[in-house]
């Protein structure tokens, strides 16, 4: 059974011709919602749909699916998440030093001396750069900004990242 990655949430219908308002949660909305893209409505049983059209409107993506031309046919989709199957993710779409969250979460974090600091348990996107939340046993979480001077090396296949923690960033330092 494939694994699905969220690309948006269906928040409402739009008009009477089967168009849906989607709050995109992907970094690649042009790719995920392009004509012909295969998505899944993630209800109890994931339902495969094919995008026939999409456009942006007031910060949302308005999408129609093949075979759904009426508001009554798409009403059950309201409130559901949209996902893409893991086999449809295109690794080539990522630029150098860009990663999928699924590749980073769970990664072991080591300092420049090779000491394990903990495991990345969450990624926050508060603004200019992402912040990696490192869970540590018996200590407060360590918040690491994803910038070149802090994150020195990311080994996705090895599930390890090497970081240089700036002075004052560790809340448990004396």
C-alpha atoms as a PDB file:
ATOM      1  CA  UNK A   1       0.000   0.000   0.000  1.00  0.00           C
ATOM      2  CA  UNK A   2       1.473   3.367  -0.924  1.00  0.00           C
ATOM      3  CA  UNK A   3       2.224   6.084   1.569  1.00  0.00           C
ATOM      4  CA  UNK A   4       0.648   9.488   0.940  1.00  0.00           C
ATOM      5  CA  UNK A   5       2.112  12.941   1.517  1.00  0.00           C
ATOM      6  CA  UNK A   6      -0.218  15.860   2.111  1.00  0.00           C
ATOM      7  CA  UNK A   7      -0.247  18.542  -0.571  1.00  0.00           C
ATOM      8  CA  UNK A   8      -3.340  20.466   0.470  1.00  0.00           C
ATOM      9  CA  UNK A   9      -6.610  20.576   2.345  1.00  0.00           C
ATOM     10  CA  UNK A  10      -9.962  20.946   0.622  1.00  0.00           C
ATOM     11  CA  UNK A  11     -11.567  23.786   2.565  1.00  0.00           C
ATOM     12  CA  UNK A  12     -14.702  24.437   0.523  1.00  0.00           C
ATOM     13  CA  UNK A  13     -16.469  24.245  -2.799  1.00  0.00           C
ATOM     14  CA  UNK A  14     -16.350  27.120  -5.277  1.00  0.00           C
ATOM     15  CA  UNK A  15     -19.338  27.669  -7.537  1.00  0.00           C
ATOM     16  CA  UNK A  16     -21.670  24.923  -8.739  1.00  0.00           C
ATOM     17  CA  UNK A  17     -19.511  23.201 -11.364  1.00  0.00           C
ATOM     18  CA  UNK A  18     -17.416  20.973  -9.098  1.00  0.00           C
ATOM     19  CA  UNK A  19     -14.573  23.390  -8.386  1.00  0.00           C
ATOM     20  CA  UNK A  20     -12.902  23.048  -4.978  1.00  0.00           C
ATOM     21  CA  UNK A  21     -10.952  25.531  -2.843  1.00  0.00           C
ATOM     22  CA  UNK A  22      -7.703  23.985  -1.679  1.00  0.00           C
ATOM     23  CA  UNK A  23      -5.295  25.389   0.887  1.00  0.00           C
ATOM     24  CA  UNK A  24      -1.973  24.214  -0.573  1.00  0.00           C
ATOM     25  CA  UNK A  25       0.535  22.752   1.887  1.00  0.00           C
ATOM     26  CA  UNK A  26       3.177  21.869  -0.678  1.00  0.00           C
ATOM     27  CA  UNK A  27       6.236  23.765  -1.850  1.00  0.00           C
ATOM     28  CA  UNK A  28       5.382  22.684  -5.404  1.00  0.00           C
ATOM     29  CA  UNK A  29       1.765  23.779  -6.054  1.00  0.00           C
ATOM     30  CA  UNK A  30       2.369  24.275  -9.800  1.00  0.00           C
ATOM     31  CA  UNK A  31       3.554  20.666 -10.069  1.00  0.00           C
ATOM     32  CA  UNK A  32       1.060  19.034  -7.700  1.00  0.00           C
ATOM     33  CA  UNK A  33      -2.049  20.761  -9.097  1.00  0.00           C
ATOM     34  CA  UNK A  34      -1.194  20.862 -12.798  1.00  0.00           C
ATOM     35  CA  UNK A  35      -3.562  19.394 -15.385  1.00  0.00           C
ATOM     36  CA  UNK A  36      -3.260  15.593 -15.409  1.00  0.00           C
ATOM     37  CA  UNK A  37      -1.702  15.320 -11.930  1.00  0.00           C
ATOM     38  CA  UNK A  38      -2.861  12.300  -9.947  1.00  0.00           C
ATOM     39  CA  UNK A  39      -3.873  13.038  -6.372  1.00  0.00           C
ATOM     40  CA  UNK A  40      -5.730  11.164  -3.665  1.00  0.00           C
ATOM     41  CA  UNK A  41      -8.586  12.424  -1.532  1.00  0.00           C
ATOM     42  CA  UNK A  42      -7.493  11.044   1.836  1.00  0.00           C
ATOM     43  CA  UNK A  43     -10.730   9.871   3.390  1.00  0.00           C
ATOM     44  CA  UNK A  44     -11.089   6.470   5.103  1.00  0.00           C
ATOM     45  CA  UNK A  45     -10.366   4.851   1.748  1.00  0.00           C
ATOM     46  CA  UNK A  46      -8.052   7.057  -0.372  1.00  0.00           C
ATOM     47  CA  UNK A  47      -9.797   7.971  -3.615  1.00  0.00           C
ATOM     48  CA  UNK A  48      -7.681   8.646  -6.709  1.00  0.00           C
ATOM     49  CA  UNK A  49      -8.567  11.793  -8.671  1.00  0.00           C
ATOM     50  CA  UNK A  50      -7.041  13.466 -11.727  1.00  0.00           C
ATOM     51  CA  UNK A  51      -6.720  17.250 -11.931  1.00  0.00           C
ATOM     52  CA  UNK A  52      -8.428  18.733 -14.994  1.00  0.00           C
ATOM     53  CA  UNK A  53      -7.836  22.387 -14.131  1.00  0.00           C
ATOM     54  CA  UNK A  54      -6.376  24.586 -11.428  1.00  0.00           C
ATOM     55  CA  UNK A  55      -5.880  28.271 -10.809  1.00  0.00           C
ATOM     56  CA  UNK A  56      -5.001  30.484  -7.882  1.00  0.00           C
ATOM     57  CA  UNK A  57      -7.603  32.749  -6.333  1.00  0.00           C
ATOM     58  CA  UNK A  58      -7.214  34.793  -3.128  1.00  0.00           C
ATOM     59  CA  UNK A  59      -4.386  32.661  -1.753  1.00  0.00           C
ATOM     60  CA  UNK A  60      -6.128  29.367  -2.530  1.00  0.00           C
ATOM     61  CA  UNK A  61      -5.848  26.908  -5.386  1.00  0.00           C
ATOM     62  CA  UNK A  62      -9.122  26.266  -7.184  1.00  0.00           C
ATOM     63  CA  UNK A  63      -9.124  22.727  -8.579  1.00  0.00           C
ATOM     64  CA  UNK A  64     -11.439  20.545 -10.656  1.00  0.00           C
ATOM     65  CA  UNK A  65     -11.172  16.787 -11.026  1.00  0.00           C
ATOM     66  CA  UNK A  66     -12.006  14.554 -13.988  1.00  0.00           C
ATOM     67  CA  UNK A  67     -15.505  13.096 -13.666  1.00  0.00           C
ATOM     68  CA  UNK A  68     -16.672  15.654 -11.107  1.00  0.00           C
ATOM     69  CA  UNK A  69     -18.586  18.485 -12.788  1.00  0.00           C
ATOM     70  CA  UNK A  70     -21.221  19.214 -10.141  1.00  0.00           C
ATOM     71  CA  UNK A  71     -21.122  20.682  -6.645  1.00  0.00           C
ATOM     72  CA  UNK A  72     -23.113  17.717  -5.275  1.00  0.00           C
ATOM     73  CA  UNK A  73     -20.428  15.284  -6.479  1.00  0.00           C
ATOM     74  CA  UNK A  74     -17.592  17.130  -4.695  1.00  0.00           C
ATOM     75  CA  UNK A  75     -19.357  18.084  -1.447  1.00  0.00           C
ATOM     76  CA  UNK A  76     -18.152  14.871   0.297  1.00  0.00           C
ATOM     77  CA  UNK A  77     -14.548  15.995  -0.370  1.00  0.00           C
ATOM     78  CA  UNK A  78     -14.961  19.140   1.746  1.00  0.00           C
ATOM     79  CA  UNK A  79     -12.627  19.056   4.773  1.00  0.00           C
ATOM     80  CA  UNK A  80     -10.510  16.200   3.390  1.00  0.00           C
ATOM     81  CA  UNK A  81      -6.762  16.273   2.822  1.00  0.00           C
ATOM     82  CA  UNK A  82      -5.278  15.837  -0.642  1.00  0.00           C
ATOM     83  CA  UNK A  83      -2.210  13.685  -0.973  1.00  0.00           C
ATOM     84  CA  UNK A  84       0.271  12.451  -3.508  1.00  0.00           C
ATOM     85  CA  UNK A  85       1.496   8.856  -3.526  1.00  0.00           C
ATOM     86  CA  UNK A  86       5.116   8.431  -2.499  1.00  0.00           C
ATOM     87  CA  UNK A  87       5.978   6.912  -5.890  1.00  0.00           C
ATOM     88  CA  UNK A  88       4.937  10.188  -7.576  1.00  0.00           C
ATOM     89  CA  UNK A  89       7.398  12.323  -5.624  1.00  0.00           C
ATOM     90  CA  UNK A  90      10.095  13.594  -7.935  1.00  0.00           C
ATOM     91  CA  UNK A  91      13.485  13.810  -6.226  1.00  0.00           C
ATOM     92  CA  UNK A  92      14.849  15.709  -9.256  1.00  0.00           C
ATOM     93  CA  UNK A  93      12.522  18.621  -8.407  1.00  0.00           C
ATOM     94  CA  UNK A  94      14.669  19.442  -5.386  1.00  0.00           C
ATOM     95  CA  UNK A  95      17.571  21.829  -5.749  1.00  0.00           C
ATOM     96  CA  UNK A  96      20.877  21.330  -3.992  1.00  0.00           C
ATOM     97  CA  UNK A  97      20.536  21.575  -0.192  1.00  0.00           C
ATOM     98  CA  UNK A  98      16.752  21.109  -0.376  1.00  0.00           C
ATOM     99  CA  UNK A  99      15.105  18.103   1.244  1.00  0.00           C
ATOM    100  CA  UNK A 100      11.685  16.644   1.838  1.00  0.00           C
ATOM    101  CA  UNK A 101      10.572  16.886   5.459  1.00  0.00           C
ATOM    102  CA  UNK A 102      10.131  13.098   5.451  1.00  0.00           C
ATOM    103  CA  UNK A 103      13.885  12.763   4.782  1.00  0.00           C
ATOM    104  CA  UNK A 104      14.887  15.072   7.646  1.00  0.00           C
ATOM    105  CA  UNK A 105      12.493  14.077  10.434  1.00  0.00           C
ATOM    106  CA  UNK A 106      13.981  11.204  12.425  1.00  0.00           C
ATOM    107  CA  UNK A 107      17.539  12.067  11.387  1.00  0.00           C
ATOM    108  CA  UNK A 108      20.309  11.818  14.012  1.00  0.00           C
ATOM    109  CA  UNK A 109      21.987  15.152  14.780  1.00  0.00           C
ATOM    110  CA  UNK A 110      25.696  15.240  15.599  1.00  0.00           C
ATOM    111  CA  UNK A 111      27.982  18.116  16.511  1.00  0.00           C
ATOM    112  CA  UNK A 112      31.262  18.730  14.658  1.00  0.00           C
ATOM    113  CA  UNK A 113      33.069  16.412  17.112  1.00  0.00           C
ATOM    114  CA  UNK A 114      30.736  13.496  16.293  1.00  0.00           C
ATOM    115  CA  UNK A 115      28.747  13.646  19.549  1.00  0.00           C
ATOM    116  CA  UNK A 116      25.064  12.780  19.162  1.00  0.00           C
ATOM    117  CA  UNK A 117      22.818  15.684  20.149  1.00  0.00           C
ATOM    118  CA  UNK A 118      19.447  14.042  19.520  1.00  0.00           C
ATOM    119  CA  UNK A 119      16.953  13.379  16.761  1.00  0.00           C
ATOM    120  CA  UNK A 120      15.041  15.809  14.546  1.00  0.00           C
ATOM    121  CA  UNK A 121      11.414  15.461  15.571  1.00  0.00           C
ATOM    122  CA  UNK A 122       9.795  18.416  13.815  1.00  0.00           C
ATOM    123  CA  UNK A 123      10.444  21.180  11.297  1.00  0.00           C
ATOM    124  CA  UNK A 124       9.048  24.671  11.825  1.00  0.00           C
ATOM    125  CA  UNK A 125       8.694  27.274   9.073  1.00  0.00           C
ATOM    126  CA  UNK A 126       8.394  30.566  10.957  1.00  0.00           C
ATOM    127  CA  UNK A 127       9.830  32.866   8.308  1.00  0.00           C
ATOM    128  CA  UNK A 128      13.085  33.355   6.478  1.00  0.00           C
ATOM    129  CA  UNK A 129      14.390  29.840   7.119  1.00  0.00           C
ATOM    130  CA  UNK A 130      13.174  26.557   8.548  1.00  0.00           C
ATOM    131  CA  UNK A 131      13.946  25.626  12.147  1.00  0.00           C
ATOM    132  CA  UNK A 132      14.760  22.007  12.971  1.00  0.00           C
ATOM    133  CA  UNK A 133      13.500  20.868  16.380  1.00  0.00           C
ATOM    134  CA  UNK A 134      15.946  18.388  17.918  1.00  0.00           C
ATOM    135  CA  UNK A 135      14.517  16.170  20.655  1.00  0.00           C
ATOM    136  CA  UNK A 136      17.053  15.379  23.379  1.00  0.00           C
ATOM    137  CA  UNK A 137      16.746  12.956  26.291  1.00  0.00           C
ATOM    138  CA  UNK A 138      16.638  14.724  29.631  1.00  0.00           C
ATOM    139  CA  UNK A 139      17.050  18.174  28.057  1.00  0.00           C
ATOM    140  CA  UNK A 140      14.960  20.841  26.430  1.00  0.00           C
ATOM    141  CA  UNK A 141      14.469  20.651  22.670  1.00  0.00           C
ATOM    142  CA  UNK A 142      17.216  22.308  20.661  1.00  0.00           C
ATOM    143  CA  UNK A 143      15.987  24.687  17.954  1.00  0.00           C
ATOM    144  CA  UNK A 144      18.423  24.818  15.021  1.00  0.00           C
ATOM    145  CA  UNK A 145      17.955  27.318  12.203  1.00  0.00           C
ATOM    146  CA  UNK A 146      18.488  25.709   8.801  1.00  0.00           C
ATOM    147  CA  UNK A 147      21.294  27.998   7.637  1.00  0.00           C
ATOM    148  CA  UNK A 148      24.690  27.136   6.152  1.00  0.00           C
ATOM    149  CA  UNK A 149      26.683  28.256   9.212  1.00  0.00           C
ATOM    150  CA  UNK A 150      24.708  25.903  11.513  1.00  0.00           C
ATOM    151  CA  UNK A 151      23.801  22.887   9.357  1.00  0.00           C
ATOM    152  CA  UNK A 152      27.129  21.822   7.887  1.00  0.00           C
ATOM    153  CA  UNK A 153      26.322  18.457   6.334  1.00  0.00           C
ATOM    154  CA  UNK A 154      23.158  16.474   5.607  1.00  0.00           C
ATOM    155  CA  UNK A 155      23.543  12.782   4.799  1.00  0.00           C
ATOM    156  CA  UNK A 156      20.044  11.662   3.757  1.00  0.00           C
ATOM    157  CA  UNK A 157      20.940   8.009   3.020  1.00  0.00           C
ATOM    158  CA  UNK A 158      22.859   7.744   6.305  1.00  0.00           C
ATOM    159  CA  UNK A 159      20.111   9.628   8.234  1.00  0.00           C
ATOM    160  CA  UNK A 160      22.722  11.867   9.919  1.00  0.00           C
ATOM    161  CA  UNK A 161      23.280  15.599   9.904  1.00  0.00           C
ATOM    162  CA  UNK A 162      26.310  17.455  11.267  1.00  0.00           C
ATOM    163  CA  UNK A 163      25.744  20.826  12.913  1.00  0.00           C
ATOM    164  CA  UNK A 164      27.746  23.589  14.538  1.00  0.00           C
ATOM    165  CA  UNK A 165      25.627  24.881  17.419  1.00  0.00           C
ATOM    166  CA  UNK A 166      26.344  28.589  17.947  1.00  0.00           C
ATOM    167  CA  UNK A 167      27.121  29.722  21.475  1.00  0.00           C
ATOM    168  CA  UNK A 168      23.981  30.691  23.359  1.00  0.00           C
ATOM    169  CA  UNK A 169      21.605  28.633  21.195  1.00  0.00           C
ATOM    170  CA  UNK A 170      21.447  25.641  23.561  1.00  0.00           C
ATOM    171  CA  UNK A 171      18.934  26.414  26.349  1.00  0.00           C
ATOM    172  CA  UNK A 172      20.622  23.863  28.636  1.00  0.00           C
ATOM    173  CA  UNK A 173      24.084  25.479  28.448  1.00  0.00           C
ATOM    174  CA  UNK A 174      25.315  27.176  31.604  1.00  0.00           C
END
